Structures are given as structure tokens and as C-alpha cells.
Amino acid sequence: FALEKFAGSLLDVVDNLERALESCSDDNEATRGLLEGVALTHKQLTDVLRRFSVEAINPMGEAFNPELHQAVSMQPSTTAAPNTVSAVLAKGYTLSGRLLRPAIVVVATAG
């Protein structure tokens, strides 16, 4: 667990790379090379984190678990079951099975 602070600091970099990937379009020929470079950098960083036992928590559609998730909002939904995660604002991470950062989520309520 000596890596906890270091690994936690790298999570912000992973988040920013994911935001860059989400905001770019593959349709634009001028930025396609940049998008590929960002995608490869993201993959390499997540592979290194996984090698050191840092695993992502992406609870979309799962039941809300206060031990692994941090709810920032509740939203009425007719499609999602009550008390399930309807949106993931930021993935959570564990380090060797121990919570490093909770997933930041929106929880569905009865619509």
C-alpha cells in the first residue's frame, strides 16, 4: 500500500485522458492521429495501473453500494430500478482490493 498516494494521483491523469477521448470525434481526419495517440496513452497507463493491482470500478446499472460508490445526486427514472446506479460521473478504483477512490455516481429513484 506504499503506492496508495502515487496511484491516487495518477487517477486524475486517467480521468483527463478519458474526458479527452469522450470529447473527440473519430470523424475528423485532422485530429484522428491525436485521438489515436491519446487512446494509446490511456491504454498504456491503465495497463500499468492494472499491473500494480489498481482496478477500475464502473458500477453502471449495479445496485448502489455506499462502501464503493459516492452518490452526488438522485434522479427519478422509469427505466432503471430504484437504488441502482443510473450514471457514472467518475470511475472508482481499488488498490489490491482496498478502496482507493469511490465511484462518483447518480442513483435512480422510482419515477
PDB file of N, CA and C in Angstrom:
ATOM      1  N   PHE A   1       0.812  -1.211   0.000  1.00  0.00           N
ATOM      2  CA  PHE A   1       0.000   0.000   0.000  1.00  0.00           C
ATOM      3  C   PHE A   1       0.847   1.264   0.000  1.00  0.00           C
ATOM      4  N   ALA A   2       2.159   1.099  -0.165  1.00  0.00           N
ATOM      5  CA  ALA A   2       3.025   2.263  -0.260  1.00  0.00           C
ATOM      6  C   ALA A   2       2.720   3.047  -1.533  1.00  0.00           C
ATOM      7  N   LEU A   3       2.094   2.422  -2.509  1.00  0.00           N
ATOM      8  CA  LEU A   3       1.755   3.075  -3.768  1.00  0.00           C
ATOM      9  C   LEU A   3       0.461   3.883  -3.704  1.00  0.00           C
ATOM     10  N   GLU A   4      -0.221   3.883  -2.579  1.00  0.00           N
ATOM     11  CA  GLU A   4      -1.558   4.468  -2.500  1.00  0.00           C
ATOM     12  C   GLU A   4      -1.601   5.934  -2.931  1.00  0.00           C
ATOM     13  N   LYS A   5      -0.739   6.776  -2.399  1.00  0.00           N
ATOM     14  CA  LYS A   5      -0.748   8.201  -2.758  1.00  0.00           C
ATOM     15  C   LYS A   5      -0.355   8.398  -4.220  1.00  0.00           C
ATOM     16  N   PHE A   6       0.651   7.691  -4.661  1.00  0.00           N
ATOM     17  CA  PHE A   6       1.114   7.812  -6.041  1.00  0.00           C
ATOM     18  C   PHE A   6       0.031   7.361  -7.015  1.00  0.00           C
ATOM     19  N   ALA A   7      -0.549   6.197  -6.766  1.00  0.00           N
ATOM     20  CA  ALA A   7      -1.599   5.678  -7.644  1.00  0.00           C
ATOM     21  C   ALA A   7      -2.810   6.597  -7.625  1.00  0.00           C
ATOM     22  N   GLY A   8      -3.161   7.115  -6.459  1.00  0.00           N
ATOM     23  CA  GLY A   8      -4.284   8.044  -6.354  1.00  0.00           C
ATOM     24  C   GLY A   8      -4.063   9.299  -7.169  1.00  0.00           C
ATOM     25  N   SER A   9      -2.839   9.768  -7.218  1.00  0.00           N
ATOM     26  CA  SER A   9      -2.516  10.957  -8.012  1.00  0.00           C
ATOM     27  C   SER A   9      -2.643  10.683  -9.510  1.00  0.00           C
ATOM     28  N   LEU A  10      -2.334   9.472  -9.927  1.00  0.00           N
ATOM     29  CA  LEU A  10      -2.432   9.131 -11.345  1.00  0.00           C
ATOM     30  C   LEU A  10      -3.874   9.006 -11.832  1.00  0.00           C
ATOM     31  N   LEU A  11      -4.815   8.845 -10.913  1.00  0.00           N
ATOM     32  CA  LEU A  11      -6.214   8.695 -11.314  1.00  0.00           C
ATOM     33  C   LEU A  11      -6.736   9.954 -11.986  1.00  0.00           C
ATOM     34  N   ASP A  12      -6.253  11.120 -11.571  1.00  0.00           N
ATOM     35  CA  ASP A  12      -6.654  12.365 -12.233  1.00  0.00           C
ATOM     36  C   ASP A  12      -6.189  12.378 -13.685  1.00  0.00           C
ATOM     37  N   VAL A  13      -5.014  11.826 -13.949  1.00  0.00           N
ATOM     38  CA  VAL A  13      -4.498  11.752 -15.318  1.00  0.00           C
ATOM     39  C   VAL A  13      -5.380  10.820 -16.144  1.00  0.00           C
ATOM     40  N   VAL A  14      -5.759   9.683 -15.583  1.00  0.00           N
ATOM     41  CA  VAL A  14      -6.641   8.742 -16.280  1.00  0.00           C
ATOM     42  C   VAL A  14      -7.973   9.419 -16.592  1.00  0.00           C
ATOM     43  N   ASP A  15      -8.534  10.138 -15.616  1.00  0.00           N
ATOM     44  CA  ASP A  15      -9.805  10.837 -15.825  1.00  0.00           C
ATOM     45  C   ASP A  15      -9.699  11.836 -16.967  1.00  0.00           C
ATOM     46  N   ASN A  16      -8.616  12.601 -17.008  1.00  0.00           N
ATOM     47  CA  ASN A  16      -8.452  13.603 -18.061  1.00  0.00           C
ATOM     48  C   ASN A  16      -8.276  12.965 -19.436  1.00  0.00           C
ATOM     49  N   LEU A  17      -7.569  11.858 -19.509  1.00  0.00           N
ATOM     50  CA  LEU A  17      -7.428  11.156 -20.779  1.00  0.00           C
ATOM     51  C   LEU A  17      -8.781  10.610 -21.251  1.00  0.00           C
ATOM     52  N   GLU A  18      -9.596  10.106 -20.318  1.00  0.00           N
ATOM     53  CA  GLU A  18     -10.922   9.601 -20.684  1.00  0.00           C
ATOM     54  C   GLU A  18     -11.822  10.733 -21.161  1.00  0.00           C
ATOM     55  N   ARG A  19     -11.737  11.901 -20.510  1.00  0.00           N
ATOM     56  CA  ARG A  19     -12.517  13.057 -20.966  1.00  0.00           C
ATOM     57  C   ARG A  19     -12.090  13.477 -22.373  1.00  0.00           C
ATOM     58  N   ALA A  20     -10.800  13.443 -22.639  1.00  0.00           N
ATOM     59  CA  ALA A  20     -10.305  13.794 -23.974  1.00  0.00           C
ATOM     60  C   ALA A  20     -10.836  12.812 -25.017  1.00  0.00           C
ATOM     61  N   LEU A  21     -10.847  11.534 -24.692  1.00  0.00           N
ATOM     62  CA  LEU A  21     -11.353  10.527 -25.622  1.00  0.00           C
ATOM     63  C   LEU A  21     -12.847  10.707 -25.879  1.00  0.00           C
ATOM     64  N   GLU A  22     -13.604  11.043 -24.847  1.00  0.00           N
ATOM     65  CA  GLU A  22     -15.042  11.234 -24.993  1.00  0.00           C
ATOM     66  C   GLU A  22     -15.372  12.476 -25.816  1.00  0.00           C
ATOM     67  N   SER A  23     -14.538  13.504 -25.725  1.00  0.00           N
ATOM     68  CA  SER A  23     -14.852  14.759 -26.405  1.00  0.00           C
ATOM     69  C   SER A  23     -14.403  14.784 -27.856  1.00  0.00           C
ATOM     70  N   CYS A  24     -13.544  13.869 -28.265  1.00  0.00           N
ATOM     71  CA  CYS A  24     -13.038  13.846 -29.639  1.00  0.00           C
ATOM     72  C   CYS A  24     -13.926  12.983 -30.524  1.00  0.00           C
ATOM     73  N   SER A  25     -13.989  13.368 -31.784  1.00  0.00           N
ATOM     74  CA  SER A  25     -14.744  12.613 -32.771  1.00  0.00           C
ATOM     75  C   SER A  25     -13.770  11.916 -33.718  1.00  0.00           C
ATOM     76  N   ASP A  26     -14.054  10.687 -34.022  1.00  0.00           N
ATOM     77  CA  ASP A  26     -13.210   9.907 -34.938  1.00  0.00           C
ATOM     78  C   ASP A  26     -13.447  10.316 -36.395  1.00  0.00           C
ATOM     79  N   ASP A  27     -14.502  11.112 -36.625  1.00  0.00           N
ATOM     80  CA  ASP A  27     -14.850  11.528 -37.981  1.00  0.00           C
ATOM     81  C   ASP A  27     -13.897  12.580 -38.543  1.00  0.00           C
ATOM     82  N   ASN A  28     -13.272  13.349 -37.668  1.00  0.00           N
ATOM     83  CA  ASN A  28     -12.415  14.443 -38.106  1.00  0.00           C
ATOM     84  C   ASN A  28     -11.038  13.906 -38.479  1.00  0.00           C
ATOM     85  N   GLU A  29     -10.704  13.989 -39.765  1.00  0.00           N
ATOM     86  CA  GLU A  29      -9.427  13.468 -40.262  1.00  0.00           C
ATOM     87  C   GLU A  29      -8.228  14.206 -39.652  1.00  0.00           C
ATOM     88  N   ALA A  30      -8.400  15.493 -39.369  1.00  0.00           N
ATOM     89  CA  ALA A  30      -7.296  16.307 -38.864  1.00  0.00           C
ATOM     90  C   ALA A  30      -6.885  15.906 -37.449  1.00  0.00           C
ATOM     91  N   THR A  31      -7.814  15.409 -36.663  1.00  0.00           N
ATOM     92  CA  THR A  31      -7.494  15.069 -35.269  1.00  0.00           C
ATOM     93  C   THR A  31      -7.456  13.563 -35.016  1.00  0.00           C
ATOM     94  N   ARG A  32      -7.627  12.764 -36.062  1.00  0.00           N
ATOM     95  CA  ARG A  32      -7.648  11.302 -35.881  1.00  0.00           C
ATOM     96  C   ARG A  32      -6.354  10.787 -35.269  1.00  0.00           C
ATOM     97  N   GLY A  33      -5.204  11.296 -35.718  1.00  0.00           N
ATOM     98  CA  GLY A  33      -3.912  10.869 -35.175  1.00  0.00           C
ATOM     99  C   GLY A  33      -3.766  11.240 -33.706  1.00  0.00           C
ATOM    100  N   LEU A  34      -4.248  12.423 -33.357  1.00  0.00           N
ATOM    101  CA  LEU A  34      -4.208  12.848 -31.956  1.00  0.00           C
ATOM    102  C   LEU A  34      -5.074  11.936 -31.097  1.00  0.00           C
ATOM    103  N   LEU A  35      -6.255  11.612 -31.597  1.00  0.00           N
ATOM    104  CA  LEU A  35      -7.159  10.728 -30.865  1.00  0.00           C
ATOM    105  C   LEU A  35      -6.523   9.353 -30.658  1.00  0.00           C
ATOM    106  N   GLU A  36      -5.868   8.816 -31.673  1.00  0.00           N
ATOM    107  CA  GLU A  36      -5.208   7.517 -31.556  1.00  0.00           C
ATOM    108  C   GLU A  36      -4.080   7.571 -30.528  1.00  0.00           C
ATOM    109  N   GLY A  37      -3.328   8.671 -30.530  1.00  0.00           N
ATOM    110  CA  GLY A  37      -2.251   8.825 -29.553  1.00  0.00           C
ATOM    111  C   GLY A  37      -2.760   8.898 -28.127  1.00  0.00           C
ATOM    112  N   VAL A  38      -3.854   9.635 -27.927  1.00  0.00           N
ATOM    113  CA  VAL A  38      -4.452   9.729 -26.595  1.00  0.00           C
ATOM    114  C   VAL A  38      -4.987   8.365 -26.168  1.00  0.00           C
ATOM    115  N   ALA A  39      -5.606   7.646 -27.088  1.00  0.00           N
ATOM    116  CA  ALA A  39      -6.138   6.314 -26.771  1.00  0.00           C
ATOM    117  C   ALA A  39      -5.013   5.351 -26.387  1.00  0.00           C
ATOM    118  N   LEU A  40      -3.915   5.381 -27.108  1.00  0.00           N
ATOM    119  CA  LEU A  40      -2.786   4.503 -26.777  1.00  0.00           C
ATOM    120  C   LEU A  40      -2.161   4.881 -25.438  1.00  0.00           C
ATOM    121  N   THR A  41      -2.053   6.167 -25.162  1.00  0.00           N
ATOM    122  CA  THR A  41      -1.510   6.622 -23.876  1.00  0.00           C
ATOM    123  C   THR A  41      -2.422   6.176 -22.733  1.00  0.00           C
ATOM    124  N   HIS A  42      -3.733   6.310 -22.926  1.00  0.00           N
ATOM    125  CA  HIS A  42      -4.704   5.871 -21.915  1.00  0.00           C
ATOM    126  C   HIS A  42      -4.579   4.372 -21.663  1.00  0.00           C
ATOM    127  N   LYS A  43      -4.498   3.591 -22.738  1.00  0.00           N
ATOM    128  CA  LYS A  43      -4.380   2.138 -22.591  1.00  0.00           C
ATOM    129  C   LYS A  43      -3.091   1.761 -21.855  1.00  0.00           C
ATOM    130  N   GLN A  44      -1.998   2.403 -22.223  1.00  0.00           N
ATOM    131  CA  GLN A  44      -0.723   2.095 -21.578  1.00  0.00           C
ATOM    132  C   GLN A  44      -0.767   2.436 -20.089  1.00  0.00           C
ATOM    133  N   LEU A  45      -1.340   3.579 -19.740  1.00  0.00           N
ATOM    134  CA  LEU A  45      -1.433   3.973 -18.338  1.00  0.00           C
ATOM    135  C   LEU A  45      -2.329   3.028 -17.550  1.00  0.00           C
ATOM    136  N   THR A  46      -3.479   2.656 -18.104  1.00  0.00           N
ATOM    137  CA  THR A  46      -4.364   1.736 -17.381  1.00  0.00           C
ATOM    138  C   THR A  46      -3.737   0.343 -17.262  1.00  0.00           C
ATOM    139  N   ASP A  47      -2.968  -0.079 -18.268  1.00  0.00           N
ATOM    140  CA  ASP A  47      -2.266  -1.367 -18.168  1.00  0.00           C
ATOM    141  C   ASP A  47      -1.234  -1.348 -17.043  1.00  0.00           C
ATOM    142  N   VAL A  48      -0.504  -0.242 -16.918  1.00  0.00           N
ATOM    143  CA  VAL A  48       0.489  -0.114 -15.840  1.00  0.00           C
ATOM    144  C   VAL A  48      -0.214  -0.123 -14.486  1.00  0.00           C
ATOM    145  N   LEU A  49      -1.309   0.601 -14.359  1.00  0.00           N
ATOM    146  CA  LEU A  49      -2.042   0.612 -13.091  1.00  0.00           C
ATOM    147  C   LEU A  49      -2.547  -0.787 -12.744  1.00  0.00           C
ATOM    148  N   ARG A  50      -3.075  -1.495 -13.742  1.00  0.00           N
ATOM    149  CA  ARG A  50      -3.572  -2.855 -13.513  1.00  0.00           C
ATOM    150  C   ARG A  50      -2.441  -3.783 -13.070  1.00  0.00           C
ATOM    151  N   ARG A  51      -1.252  -3.589 -13.647  1.00  0.00           N
ATOM    152  CA  ARG A  51      -0.093  -4.413 -13.278  1.00  0.00           C
ATOM    153  C   ARG A  51       0.256  -4.235 -11.802  1.00  0.00           C
ATOM    154  N   PHE A  52      -0.022  -3.049 -11.248  1.00  0.00           N
ATOM    155  CA  PHE A  52       0.252  -2.787  -9.840  1.00  0.00           C
ATOM    156  C   PHE A  52      -1.013  -2.892  -8.985  1.00  0.00           C
ATOM    157  N   SER A  53      -1.979  -3.693  -9.453  1.00  0.00           N
ATOM    158  CA  SER A  53      -3.202  -4.053  -8.722  1.00  0.00           C
ATOM    159  C   SER A  53      -4.154  -2.888  -8.500  1.00  0.00           C
ATOM    160  N   VAL A  54      -4.158  -1.906  -9.403  1.00  0.00           N
ATOM    161  CA  VAL A  54      -5.161  -0.833  -9.363  1.00  0.00           C
ATOM    162  C   VAL A  54      -6.235  -1.212 -10.378  1.00  0.00           C
ATOM    163  N   GLU A  55      -7.444  -1.454  -9.881  1.00  0.00           N
ATOM    164  CA  GLU A  55      -8.552  -1.903 -10.723  1.00  0.00           C
ATOM    165  C   GLU A  55      -9.668  -0.865 -10.719  1.00  0.00           C
ATOM    166  N   ALA A  56     -10.300  -0.668 -11.870  1.00  0.00           N
ATOM    167  CA  ALA A  56     -11.390   0.291 -12.013  1.00  0.00           C
ATOM    168  C   ALA A  56     -12.700  -0.285 -11.506  1.00  0.00           C
ATOM    169  N   ILE A  57     -13.542   0.596 -10.977  1.00  0.00           N
ATOM    170  CA  ILE A  57     -14.907   0.253 -10.569  1.00  0.00           C
ATOM    171  C   ILE A  57     -15.821   1.079 -11.459  1.00  0.00           C
ATOM    172  N   ASN A  58     -16.569   0.420 -12.336  1.00  0.00           N
ATOM    173  CA  ASN A  58     -17.527   1.101 -13.200  1.00  0.00           C
ATOM    174  C   ASN A  58     -18.897   0.472 -12.937  1.00  0.00           C
ATOM    175  N   PRO A  59     -19.658   1.028 -11.976  1.00  0.00           N
ATOM    176  CA  PRO A  59     -20.856   0.367 -11.480  1.00  0.00           C
ATOM    177  C   PRO A  59     -22.150   0.650 -12.247  1.00  0.00           C
ATOM    178  N   MET A  60     -22.080   1.082 -13.484  1.00  0.00           N
ATOM    179  CA  MET A  60     -23.276   1.428 -14.241  1.00  0.00           C
ATOM    180  C   MET A  60     -24.274   0.277 -14.231  1.00  0.00           C
ATOM    181  N   GLY A  61     -25.503   0.566 -13.774  1.00  0.00           N
ATOM    182  CA  GLY A  61     -26.566  -0.428 -13.733  1.00  0.00           C
ATOM    183  C   GLY A  61     -26.553  -1.329 -12.514  1.00  0.00           C
ATOM    184  N   GLU A  62     -25.535  -1.233 -11.693  1.00  0.00           N
ATOM    185  CA  GLU A  62     -25.451  -2.067 -10.489  1.00  0.00           C
ATOM    186  C   GLU A  62     -26.192  -1.414  -9.325  1.00  0.00           C
ATOM    187  N   ALA A  63     -26.460  -2.189  -8.304  1.00  0.00           N
ATOM    188  CA  ALA A  63     -27.077  -1.655  -7.092  1.00  0.00           C
ATOM    189  C   ALA A  63     -26.097  -0.712  -6.396  1.00  0.00           C
ATOM    190  N   PHE A  64     -26.629   0.387  -5.858  1.00  0.00           N
ATOM    191  CA  PHE A  64     -25.783   1.344  -5.155  1.00  0.00           C
ATOM    192  C   PHE A  64     -25.168   0.691  -3.930  1.00  0.00           C
ATOM    193  N   ASN A  65     -23.859   0.842  -3.773  1.00  0.00           N
ATOM    194  CA  ASN A  65     -23.127   0.291  -2.638  1.00  0.00           C
ATOM    195  C   ASN A  65     -22.352   1.431  -1.989  1.00  0.00           C
ATOM    196  N   PRO A  66     -22.765   1.895  -0.805  1.00  0.00           N
ATOM    197  CA  PRO A  66     -22.088   3.036  -0.178  1.00  0.00           C
ATOM    198  C   PRO A  66     -20.633   2.764   0.201  1.00  0.00           C
ATOM    199  N   GLU A  67     -20.232   1.514   0.201  1.00  0.00           N
ATOM    200  CA  GLU A  67     -18.839   1.190   0.503  1.00  0.00           C
ATOM    201  C   GLU A  67     -17.928   1.420  -0.707  1.00  0.00           C
ATOM    202  N   LEU A  68     -18.511   1.420  -1.915  1.00  0.00           N
ATOM    203  CA  LEU A  68     -17.719   1.580  -3.136  1.00  0.00           C
ATOM    204  C   LEU A  68     -18.121   2.797  -3.966  1.00  0.00           C
ATOM    205  N   HIS A  69     -19.304   3.363  -3.681  1.00  0.00           N
ATOM    206  CA  HIS A  69     -19.836   4.444  -4.500  1.00  0.00           C
ATOM    207  C   HIS A  69     -20.128   5.673  -3.650  1.00  0.00           C
ATOM    208  N   GLN A  70     -19.990   6.834  -4.264  1.00  0.00           N
ATOM    209  CA  GLN A  70     -20.365   8.094  -3.627  1.00  0.00           C
ATOM    210  C   GLN A  70     -21.452   8.721  -4.492  1.00  0.00           C
ATOM    211  N   ALA A  71     -22.671   8.799  -3.944  1.00  0.00           N
ATOM    212  CA  ALA A  71     -23.791   9.377  -4.685  1.00  0.00           C
ATOM    213  C   ALA A  71     -23.746  10.893  -4.566  1.00  0.00           C
ATOM    214  N   VAL A  72     -23.837  11.565  -5.693  1.00  0.00           N
ATOM    215  CA  VAL A  72     -23.859  13.026  -5.691  1.00  0.00           C
ATOM    216  C   VAL A  72     -25.241  13.546  -6.055  1.00  0.00           C
ATOM    217  N   SER A  73     -26.103  12.646  -6.537  1.00  0.00           N
ATOM    218  CA  SER A  73     -27.439  13.052  -6.932  1.00  0.00           C
ATOM    219  C   SER A  73     -28.333  11.829  -7.013  1.00  0.00           C
ATOM    220  N   MET A  74     -29.646  12.092  -6.895  1.00  0.00           N
ATOM    221  CA  MET A  74     -30.636  11.044  -7.118  1.00  0.00           C
ATOM    222  C   MET A  74     -31.536  11.551  -8.239  1.00  0.00           C
ATOM    223  N   GLN A  75     -31.886  10.663  -9.157  1.00  0.00           N
ATOM    224  CA  GLN A  75     -32.647  11.068 -10.324  1.00  0.00           C
ATOM    225  C   GLN A  75     -33.797  10.092 -10.552  1.00  0.00           C
ATOM    226  N   PRO A  76     -35.029  10.611 -10.682  1.00  0.00           N
ATOM    227  CA  PRO A  76     -36.155   9.720 -10.982  1.00  0.00           C
ATOM    228  C   PRO A  76     -35.945   9.036 -12.334  1.00  0.00           C
ATOM    229  N   SER A  77     -36.290   7.760 -12.399  1.00  0.00           N
ATOM    230  CA  SER A  77     -36.113   7.006 -13.637  1.00  0.00           C
ATOM    231  C   SER A  77     -37.231   5.995 -13.793  1.00  0.00           C
ATOM    232  N   THR A  78     -37.718   5.875 -15.010  1.00  0.00           N
ATOM    233  CA  THR A  78     -38.718   4.854 -15.306  1.00  0.00           C
ATOM    234  C   THR A  78     -38.070   3.617 -15.929  1.00  0.00           C
ATOM    235  N   THR A  79     -36.794   3.735 -16.321  1.00  0.00           N
ATOM    236  CA  THR A  79     -36.108   2.608 -16.969  1.00  0.00           C
ATOM    237  C   THR A  79     -35.184   1.858 -16.023  1.00  0.00           C
ATOM    238  N   ALA A  80     -34.593   2.549 -15.058  1.00  0.00           N
ATOM    239  CA  ALA A  80     -33.666   1.906 -14.121  1.00  0.00           C
ATOM    240  C   ALA A  80     -34.396   1.556 -12.827  1.00  0.00           C
ATOM    241  N   ALA A  81     -34.004   0.458 -12.224  1.00  0.00           N
ATOM    242  CA  ALA A  81     -34.588   0.046 -10.956  1.00  0.00           C
ATOM    243  C   ALA A  81     -34.180   1.029  -9.860  1.00  0.00           C
ATOM    244  N   PRO A  82     -35.066   1.268  -8.887  1.00  0.00           N
ATOM    245  CA  PRO A  82     -34.702   2.166  -7.792  1.00  0.00           C
ATOM    246  C   PRO A  82     -33.455   1.677  -7.058  1.00  0.00           C
ATOM    247  N   ASN A  83     -32.646   2.617  -6.606  1.00  0.00           N
ATOM    248  CA  ASN A  83     -31.433   2.358  -5.846  1.00  0.00           C
ATOM    249  C   ASN A  83     -30.342   1.689  -6.681  1.00  0.00           C
ATOM    250  N   THR A  84     -30.382   1.893  -8.000  1.00  0.00           N
ATOM    251  CA  THR A  84     -29.300   1.429  -8.859  1.00  0.00           C
ATOM    252  C   THR A  84     -28.581   2.637  -9.449  1.00  0.00           C
ATOM    253  N   VAL A  85     -27.384   2.424  -9.900  1.00  0.00           N
ATOM    254  CA  VAL A  85     -26.573   3.496 -10.476  1.00  0.00           C
ATOM    255  C   VAL A  85     -27.072   3.770 -11.896  1.00  0.00           C
ATOM    256  N   SER A  86     -27.525   5.015 -12.131  1.00  0.00           N
ATOM    257  CA  SER A  86     -28.043   5.375 -13.452  1.00  0.00           C
ATOM    258  C   SER A  86     -27.024   6.156 -14.274  1.00  0.00           C
ATOM    259  N   ALA A  87     -25.993   6.702 -13.628  1.00  0.00           N
ATOM    260  CA  ALA A  87     -24.930   7.411 -14.348  1.00  0.00           C
ATOM    261  C   ALA A  87     -23.654   7.358 -13.511  1.00  0.00           C
ATOM    262  N   VAL A  88     -22.530   7.216 -14.191  1.00  0.00           N
ATOM    263  CA  VAL A  88     -21.219   7.219 -13.525  1.00  0.00           C
ATOM    264  C   VAL A  88     -20.495   8.485 -13.960  1.00  0.00           C
ATOM    265  N   LEU A  89     -20.268   9.390 -13.019  1.00  0.00           N
ATOM    266  CA  LEU A  89     -19.581  10.637 -13.331  1.00  0.00           C
ATOM    267  C   LEU A  89     -18.068  10.459 -13.306  1.00  0.00           C
ATOM    268  N   ALA A  90     -17.581   9.579 -12.443  1.00  0.00           N
ATOM    269  CA  ALA A  90     -16.152   9.246 -12.380  1.00  0.00           C
ATOM    270  C   ALA A  90     -16.027   7.819 -11.865  1.00  0.00           C
ATOM    271  N   LYS A  91     -15.215   7.042 -12.541  1.00  0.00           N
ATOM    272  CA  LYS A  91     -14.985   5.663 -12.098  1.00  0.00           C
ATOM    273  C   LYS A  91     -14.308   5.664 -10.738  1.00  0.00           C
ATOM    274  N   GLY A  92     -14.554   4.599  -9.998  1.00  0.00           N
ATOM    275  CA  GLY A  92     -13.844   4.393  -8.752  1.00  0.00           C
ATOM    276  C   GLY A  92     -12.679   3.448  -8.994  1.00  0.00           C
ATOM    277  N   TYR A  93     -11.802   3.335  -8.009  1.00  0.00           N
ATOM    278  CA  TYR A  93     -10.637   2.459  -8.162  1.00  0.00           C
ATOM    279  C   TYR A  93     -10.313   1.794  -6.835  1.00  0.00           C
ATOM    280  N   THR A  94      -9.801   0.565  -6.944  1.00  0.00           N
ATOM    281  CA  THR A  94      -9.300  -0.146  -5.778  1.00  0.00           C
ATOM    282  C   THR A  94      -7.816  -0.430  -5.985  1.00  0.00           C
ATOM    283  N   LEU A  95      -7.098  -0.550  -4.884  1.00  0.00           N
ATOM    284  CA  LEU A  95      -5.683  -0.916  -4.904  1.00  0.00           C
ATOM    285  C   LEU A  95      -5.559  -2.186  -4.083  1.00  0.00           C
ATOM    286  N   SER A  96      -5.266  -3.285  -4.746  1.00  0.00           N
ATOM    287  CA  SER A  96      -5.172  -4.599  -4.101  1.00  0.00           C
ATOM    288  C   SER A  96      -6.431  -4.913  -3.291  1.00  0.00           C
ATOM    289  N   GLY A  97      -7.592  -4.606  -3.874  1.00  0.00           N
ATOM    290  CA  GLY A  97      -8.856  -4.900  -3.224  1.00  0.00           C
ATOM    291  C   GLY A  97      -9.313  -3.861  -2.221  1.00  0.00           C
ATOM    292  N   ARG A  98      -8.486  -2.884  -1.922  1.00  0.00           N
ATOM    293  CA  ARG A  98      -8.822  -1.834  -0.950  1.00  0.00           C
ATOM    294  C   ARG A  98      -9.239  -0.577  -1.710  1.00  0.00           C
ATOM    295  N   LEU A  99     -10.296   0.091  -1.254  1.00  0.00           N
ATOM    296  CA  LEU A  99     -10.817   1.254  -1.954  1.00  0.00           C
ATOM    297  C   LEU A  99      -9.794   2.375  -2.010  1.00  0.00           C
ATOM    298  N   LEU A 100      -9.500   2.827  -3.216  1.00  0.00           N
ATOM    299  CA  LEU A 100      -8.578   3.933  -3.438  1.00  0.00           C
ATOM    300  C   LEU A 100      -9.379   5.222  -3.647  1.00  0.00           C
ATOM    301  N   ARG A 101     -10.434   5.126  -4.463  1.00  0.00           N
ATOM    302  CA  ARG A 101     -11.340   6.249  -4.685  1.00  0.00           C
ATOM    303  C   ARG A 101     -12.715   5.682  -5.014  1.00  0.00           C
ATOM    304  N   PRO A 102     -13.777   6.199  -4.365  1.00  0.00           N
ATOM    305  CA  PRO A 102     -15.114   5.692  -4.684  1.00  0.00           C
ATOM    306  C   PRO A 102     -15.565   6.181  -6.062  1.00  0.00           C
ATOM    307  N   ALA A 103     -16.440   5.433  -6.678  1.00  0.00           N
ATOM    308  CA  ALA A 103     -17.049   5.850  -7.944  1.00  0.00           C
ATOM    309  C   ALA A 103     -18.053   6.958  -7.622  1.00  0.00           C
ATOM    310  N   ILE A 104     -18.030   8.036  -8.404  1.00  0.00           N
ATOM    311  CA  ILE A 104     -18.946   9.153  -8.222  1.00  0.00           C
ATOM    312  C   ILE A 104     -20.147   8.870  -9.128  1.00  0.00           C
ATOM    313  N   VAL A 105     -21.321   8.711  -8.520  1.00  0.00           N
ATOM    314  CA  VAL A 105     -22.475   8.205  -9.272  1.00  0.00           C
ATOM    315  C   VAL A 105     -23.749   9.007  -9.034  1.00  0.00           C
ATOM    316  N   VAL A 106     -24.714   8.798  -9.943  1.00  0.00           N
ATOM    317  CA  VAL A 106     -26.071   9.273  -9.795  1.00  0.00           C
ATOM    318  C   VAL A 106     -26.915   8.025  -9.566  1.00  0.00           C
ATOM    319  N   VAL A 107     -27.812   8.075  -8.578  1.00  0.00           N
ATOM    320  CA  VAL A 107     -28.609   6.919  -8.202  1.00  0.00           C
ATOM    321  C   VAL A 107     -30.056   7.121  -8.668  1.00  0.00           C
ATOM    322  N   ALA A 108     -30.646   6.084  -9.247  1.00  0.00           N
ATOM    323  CA  ALA A 108     -32.014   6.138  -9.723  1.00  0.00           C
ATOM    324  C   ALA A 108     -32.989   6.001  -8.558  1.00  0.00           C
ATOM    325  N   THR A 109     -34.090   6.740  -8.660  1.00  0.00           N
ATOM    326  CA  THR A 109     -35.202   6.589  -7.714  1.00  0.00           C
ATOM    327  C   THR A 109     -36.438   6.211  -8.533  1.00  0.00           C
ATOM    328  N   ALA A 110     -37.492   5.798  -7.866  1.00  0.00           N
ATOM    329  CA  ALA A 110     -38.728   5.431  -8.550  1.00  0.00           C
ATOM    330  C   ALA A 110     -39.270   6.636  -9.298  1.00  0.00           C
ATOM    331  N   GLY A 111     -39.634   6.444 -10.549  1.00  0.00           N
ATOM    332  CA  GLY A 111     -40.125   7.533 -11.390  1.00  0.00           C
ATOM    333  C   GLY A 111     -41.597   7.542 -11.357  1.00  0.00           C
TER     334      GLY A 111
END
